Amino acid sequence: MIEIIKDYAAKRVELLKIQIQEKSSLSAGTIVFVFLIAVVCSFFVLFFNFGIAFLIGESLDSDAYGFLIVAGFYLLLTIIVLLFKKLIIKSIANKLIGFLKK
């Protein structure tokens, strides 16, 4: 009977190790995927903003004004994100916990 319990405990530990490896590899894969998407999107946003800034600058006959307007938009966006900081952090934490519980 003791041998059966020892065997069960050993197999349970083995199962837990496999589950931890699975979660780790899924998490690592997701992190790499999100990183790659973030890099690609960052380049898109960068070049898109240059285009918008030059377009606005052309219509105002001053590239500087175009870039200042785009910078002002991002300043406004930063202020909004800072105002909703706690809500954003809680949302991301809840999603991460939900992912890790799967």
N, C-alpha and C. Protein backbone atom coordinates (compact mmCIF):
# COMPACT_ATOMS: atom_id res chain seq x y z
N MET A 1 0.81 -1.19 0.00
CA MET A 1 0.00 0.00 0.00
C MET A 1 0.87 1.27 0.00
N ILE A 2 1.95 1.25 0.78
CA ILE A 2 2.85 2.39 0.84
C ILE A 2 3.52 2.61 -0.50
N GLU A 3 3.85 1.51 -1.18
CA GLU A 3 4.47 1.61 -2.51
C GLU A 3 3.51 2.29 -3.49
N ILE A 4 2.25 1.97 -3.40
CA ILE A 4 1.25 2.57 -4.30
C ILE A 4 1.16 4.07 -4.04
N ILE A 5 1.18 4.47 -2.78
CA ILE A 5 1.12 5.89 -2.43
C ILE A 5 2.37 6.62 -2.91
N LYS A 6 3.54 6.00 -2.75
CA LYS A 6 4.79 6.61 -3.22
C LYS A 6 4.78 6.75 -4.73
N ASP A 7 4.29 5.71 -5.41
CA ASP A 7 4.21 5.74 -6.87
C ASP A 7 3.24 6.83 -7.33
N TYR A 8 2.11 6.94 -6.65
CA TYR A 8 1.12 7.97 -6.97
C TYR A 8 1.72 9.37 -6.77
N ALA A 9 2.42 9.58 -5.66
CA ALA A 9 3.03 10.88 -5.37
C ALA A 9 4.08 11.22 -6.42
N ALA A 10 4.88 10.25 -6.80
CA ALA A 10 5.92 10.48 -7.82
C ALA A 10 5.28 10.86 -9.16
N LYS A 11 4.21 10.16 -9.53
CA LYS A 11 3.54 10.47 -10.80
C LYS A 11 2.84 11.82 -10.74
N ARG A 12 2.34 12.17 -9.59
CA ARG A 12 1.69 13.47 -9.42
C ARG A 12 2.73 14.60 -9.56
N VAL A 13 3.90 14.41 -8.98
CA VAL A 13 4.98 15.40 -9.11
C VAL A 13 5.41 15.51 -10.57
N GLU A 14 5.52 14.38 -11.23
CA GLU A 14 5.89 14.37 -12.66
C GLU A 14 4.85 15.14 -13.49
N LEU A 15 3.57 14.92 -13.20
CA LEU A 15 2.50 15.62 -13.90
C LEU A 15 2.58 17.13 -13.66
N LEU A 16 2.84 17.53 -12.45
CA LEU A 16 2.97 18.95 -12.14
C LEU A 16 4.15 19.58 -12.89
N LYS A 17 5.25 18.85 -12.99
CA LYS A 17 6.41 19.35 -13.73
C LYS A 17 6.05 19.57 -15.20
N ILE A 18 5.34 18.62 -15.77
CA ILE A 18 4.94 18.73 -17.18
C ILE A 18 3.99 19.90 -17.37
N GLN A 19 3.05 20.08 -16.45
CA GLN A 19 2.12 21.20 -16.54
C GLN A 19 2.84 22.54 -16.43
N ILE A 20 3.82 22.62 -15.55
CA ILE A 20 4.59 23.85 -15.40
C ILE A 20 5.39 24.14 -16.67
N GLN A 21 5.98 23.10 -17.27
CA GLN A 21 6.72 23.29 -18.52
C GLN A 21 5.78 23.77 -19.63
N GLU A 22 4.60 23.21 -19.67
CA GLU A 22 3.63 23.61 -20.70
C GLU A 22 3.25 25.08 -20.53
N LYS A 23 2.93 25.48 -19.31
CA LYS A 23 2.57 26.88 -19.05
C LYS A 23 3.74 27.81 -19.38
N SER A 24 4.94 27.42 -19.02
CA SER A 24 6.12 28.24 -19.28
C SER A 24 6.35 28.42 -20.77
N SER A 25 6.25 27.34 -21.53
CA SER A 25 6.50 27.45 -22.96
C SER A 25 5.38 28.23 -23.65
N LEU A 26 4.13 28.07 -23.21
CA LEU A 26 3.04 28.87 -23.78
C LEU A 26 3.22 30.34 -23.44
N SER A 27 3.63 30.63 -22.22
CA SER A 27 3.86 32.02 -21.81
C SER A 27 5.01 32.63 -22.61
N ALA A 28 6.09 31.90 -22.76
CA ALA A 28 7.24 32.40 -23.52
C ALA A 28 6.86 32.64 -24.97
N GLY A 29 6.12 31.72 -25.56
CA GLY A 29 5.69 31.90 -26.94
C GLY A 29 4.79 33.11 -27.09
N THR A 30 3.90 33.31 -26.15
CA THR A 30 3.01 34.46 -26.20
C THR A 30 3.79 35.76 -26.04
N ILE A 31 4.76 35.78 -25.15
CA ILE A 31 5.57 36.97 -24.93
C ILE A 31 6.35 37.33 -26.19
N VAL A 32 6.95 36.35 -26.84
CA VAL A 32 7.70 36.60 -28.07
C VAL A 32 6.76 37.11 -29.17
N PHE A 33 5.57 36.50 -29.29
CA PHE A 33 4.61 36.93 -30.29
C PHE A 33 4.17 38.37 -30.05
N VAL A 34 3.84 38.70 -28.82
CA VAL A 34 3.41 40.06 -28.48
C VAL A 34 4.54 41.04 -28.74
N PHE A 35 5.78 40.66 -28.43
CA PHE A 35 6.93 41.53 -28.68
C PHE A 35 7.08 41.80 -30.18
N LEU A 36 6.99 40.76 -31.00
CA LEU A 36 7.12 40.95 -32.45
C LEU A 36 6.01 41.83 -33.00
N ILE A 37 4.79 41.60 -32.55
CA ILE A 37 3.67 42.43 -33.00
C ILE A 37 3.89 43.88 -32.56
N ALA A 38 4.39 44.08 -31.34
CA ALA A 38 4.64 45.43 -30.84
C ALA A 38 5.70 46.14 -31.68
N VAL A 39 6.75 45.43 -32.08
CA VAL A 39 7.80 46.04 -32.91
C VAL A 39 7.25 46.44 -34.27
N VAL A 40 6.51 45.54 -34.90
CA VAL A 40 5.94 45.84 -36.22
C VAL A 40 4.96 47.00 -36.13
N CYS A 41 4.10 46.98 -35.12
CA CYS A 41 3.13 48.06 -34.95
C CYS A 41 3.82 49.39 -34.64
N SER A 42 4.92 49.33 -33.90
CA SER A 42 5.66 50.55 -33.58
C SER A 42 6.21 51.20 -34.85
N PHE A 43 6.75 50.39 -35.74
CA PHE A 43 7.25 50.95 -37.00
C PHE A 43 6.10 51.54 -37.81
N PHE A 44 4.97 50.86 -37.85
CA PHE A 44 3.81 51.38 -38.58
C PHE A 44 3.39 52.72 -38.00
N VAL A 45 3.23 52.78 -36.68
CA VAL A 45 2.80 54.02 -36.02
C VAL A 45 3.82 55.13 -36.25
N LEU A 46 5.09 54.81 -36.18
CA LEU A 46 6.13 55.82 -36.40
C LEU A 46 6.02 56.44 -37.79
N PHE A 47 5.98 55.61 -38.81
CA PHE A 47 5.94 56.13 -40.17
C PHE A 47 4.59 56.78 -40.48
N PHE A 48 3.52 56.24 -39.92
CA PHE A 48 2.21 56.85 -40.11
C PHE A 48 2.18 58.25 -39.51
N ASN A 49 2.78 58.42 -38.33
CA ASN A 49 2.81 59.72 -37.69
C ASN A 49 3.67 60.72 -38.46
N PHE A 50 4.78 60.24 -39.02
CA PHE A 50 5.57 61.13 -39.88
C PHE A 50 4.72 61.60 -41.06
N GLY A 51 4.00 60.68 -41.67
CA GLY A 51 3.15 61.04 -42.80
C GLY A 51 2.07 62.04 -42.41
N ILE A 52 1.41 61.80 -41.29
CA ILE A 52 0.37 62.72 -40.82
C ILE A 52 0.97 64.09 -40.50
N ALA A 53 2.12 64.10 -39.84
CA ALA A 53 2.76 65.38 -39.49
C ALA A 53 3.13 66.17 -40.74
N PHE A 54 3.68 65.48 -41.73
CA PHE A 54 4.03 66.18 -42.97
C PHE A 54 2.77 66.64 -43.71
N LEU A 55 1.71 65.85 -43.68
CA LEU A 55 0.46 66.22 -44.34
C LEU A 55 -0.15 67.46 -43.68
N ILE A 56 -0.21 67.46 -42.36
CA ILE A 56 -0.73 68.63 -41.64
C ILE A 56 0.19 69.83 -41.88
N GLY A 57 1.49 69.59 -41.83
CA GLY A 57 2.46 70.67 -42.07
C GLY A 57 2.32 71.27 -43.45
N GLU A 58 2.06 70.41 -44.43
CA GLU A 58 1.89 70.91 -45.81
C GLU A 58 0.64 71.78 -45.92
N SER A 59 -0.42 71.37 -45.25
CA SER A 59 -1.66 72.17 -45.33
C SER A 59 -1.54 73.47 -44.55
N LEU A 60 -0.65 73.53 -43.56
CA LEU A 60 -0.43 74.76 -42.79
C LEU A 60 0.79 75.53 -43.27
N ASP A 61 1.45 75.05 -44.31
CA ASP A 61 2.67 75.65 -44.87
C ASP A 61 3.81 75.71 -43.87
N SER A 62 3.83 74.77 -42.92
CA SER A 62 4.93 74.70 -41.95
C SER A 62 5.00 73.29 -41.38
N ASP A 63 6.09 72.60 -41.71
CA ASP A 63 6.26 71.25 -41.18
C ASP A 63 6.32 71.25 -39.65
N ALA A 64 6.88 72.30 -39.09
CA ALA A 64 7.00 72.39 -37.63
C ALA A 64 5.63 72.36 -36.97
N TYR A 65 4.67 73.07 -37.54
CA TYR A 65 3.32 73.07 -36.97
C TYR A 65 2.68 71.68 -37.07
N GLY A 66 2.95 71.00 -38.14
CA GLY A 66 2.43 69.64 -38.30
C GLY A 66 2.96 68.72 -37.21
N PHE A 67 4.25 68.80 -36.97
CA PHE A 67 4.85 67.95 -35.93
C PHE A 67 4.39 68.37 -34.54
N LEU A 68 4.20 69.67 -34.32
CA LEU A 68 3.71 70.14 -33.03
C LEU A 68 2.28 69.66 -32.77
N ILE A 69 1.45 69.64 -33.78
CA ILE A 69 0.07 69.17 -33.63
C ILE A 69 0.06 67.68 -33.31
N VAL A 70 0.88 66.90 -34.01
CA VAL A 70 0.96 65.46 -33.74
C VAL A 70 1.50 65.23 -32.33
N ALA A 71 2.51 66.00 -31.93
CA ALA A 71 3.06 65.87 -30.57
C ALA A 71 2.01 66.24 -29.53
N GLY A 72 1.23 67.26 -29.79
CA GLY A 72 0.16 67.66 -28.88
C GLY A 72 -0.88 66.56 -28.73
N PHE A 73 -1.20 65.88 -29.83
CA PHE A 73 -2.13 64.75 -29.78
C PHE A 73 -1.58 63.67 -28.85
N TYR A 74 -0.29 63.37 -28.97
CA TYR A 74 0.29 62.33 -28.12
C TYR A 74 0.41 62.78 -26.66
N LEU A 75 0.58 64.07 -26.44
CA LEU A 75 0.57 64.59 -25.08
C LEU A 75 -0.81 64.41 -24.46
N LEU A 76 -1.85 64.71 -25.21
CA LEU A 76 -3.22 64.51 -24.75
C LEU A 76 -3.49 63.04 -24.47
N LEU A 77 -3.04 62.18 -25.37
CA LEU A 77 -3.21 60.73 -25.18
C LEU A 77 -2.48 60.25 -23.93
N THR A 78 -1.29 60.78 -23.67
CA THR A 78 -0.53 60.41 -22.47
C THR A 78 -1.27 60.83 -21.21
N ILE A 79 -1.84 62.01 -21.21
CA ILE A 79 -2.59 62.48 -20.05
C ILE A 79 -3.80 61.59 -19.79
N ILE A 80 -4.50 61.20 -20.85
CA ILE A 80 -5.66 60.31 -20.69
C ILE A 80 -5.24 58.96 -20.11
N VAL A 81 -4.14 58.41 -20.63
CA VAL A 81 -3.65 57.12 -20.12
C VAL A 81 -3.27 57.23 -18.65
N LEU A 82 -2.63 58.33 -18.26
CA LEU A 82 -2.24 58.53 -16.87
C LEU A 82 -3.47 58.66 -15.96
N LEU A 83 -4.52 59.27 -16.47
CA LEU A 83 -5.75 59.40 -15.68
C LEU A 83 -6.41 58.04 -15.43
N PHE A 84 -6.30 57.14 -16.39
CA PHE A 84 -6.92 55.81 -16.28
C PHE A 84 -5.91 54.73 -15.94
N LYS A 85 -4.79 55.11 -15.32
CA LYS A 85 -3.69 54.19 -15.02
C LYS A 85 -4.14 52.99 -14.19
N LYS A 86 -4.86 53.22 -13.12
CA LYS A 86 -5.27 52.12 -12.24
C LYS A 86 -6.19 51.15 -12.98
N LEU A 87 -7.11 51.67 -13.75
CA LEU A 87 -8.03 50.81 -14.50
C LEU A 87 -7.28 49.96 -15.52
N ILE A 88 -6.32 50.56 -16.19
CA ILE A 88 -5.53 49.84 -17.20
C ILE A 88 -4.70 48.74 -16.54
N ILE A 89 -4.06 49.07 -15.42
CA ILE A 89 -3.22 48.08 -14.73
C ILE A 89 -4.05 46.91 -14.24
N LYS A 90 -5.21 47.19 -13.65
CA LYS A 90 -6.09 46.12 -13.15
C LYS A 90 -6.57 45.24 -14.29
N SER A 91 -6.92 45.84 -15.41
CA SER A 91 -7.40 45.08 -16.56
C SER A 91 -6.32 44.14 -17.09
N ILE A 92 -5.11 44.64 -17.23
CA ILE A 92 -4.01 43.82 -17.73
C ILE A 92 -3.68 42.71 -16.74
N ALA A 93 -3.67 43.04 -15.44
CA ALA A 93 -3.37 42.03 -14.42
C ALA A 93 -4.42 40.93 -14.41
N ASN A 94 -5.69 41.30 -14.53
CA ASN A 94 -6.76 40.29 -14.56
C ASN A 94 -6.65 39.38 -15.78
N LYS A 95 -6.33 39.95 -16.93
CA LYS A 95 -6.17 39.14 -18.13
C LYS A 95 -4.97 38.20 -18.01
N LEU A 96 -3.88 38.67 -17.41
CA LEU A 96 -2.69 37.84 -17.23
C LEU A 96 -2.98 36.70 -16.26
N ILE A 97 -3.67 36.99 -15.18
CA ILE A 97 -4.03 35.95 -14.23
C ILE A 97 -4.96 34.93 -14.87
N GLY A 98 -5.91 35.41 -15.65
CA GLY A 98 -6.82 34.50 -16.36
C GLY A 98 -6.08 33.60 -17.33
N PHE A 99 -5.07 34.16 -18.01
CA PHE A 99 -4.29 33.35 -18.94
C PHE A 99 -3.49 32.29 -18.21
N LEU A 100 -2.89 32.66 -17.08
CA LEU A 100 -2.06 31.72 -16.34
C LEU A 100 -2.88 30.64 -15.65
N LYS A 101 -4.15 30.89 -15.37
CA LYS A 101 -5.00 29.88 -14.72
C LYS A 101 -5.47 28.81 -15.69
N LYS A 102 -5.41 29.09 -16.99
CA LYS A 102 -5.88 28.10 -17.98
C LYS A 102 -5.06 26.85 -17.95
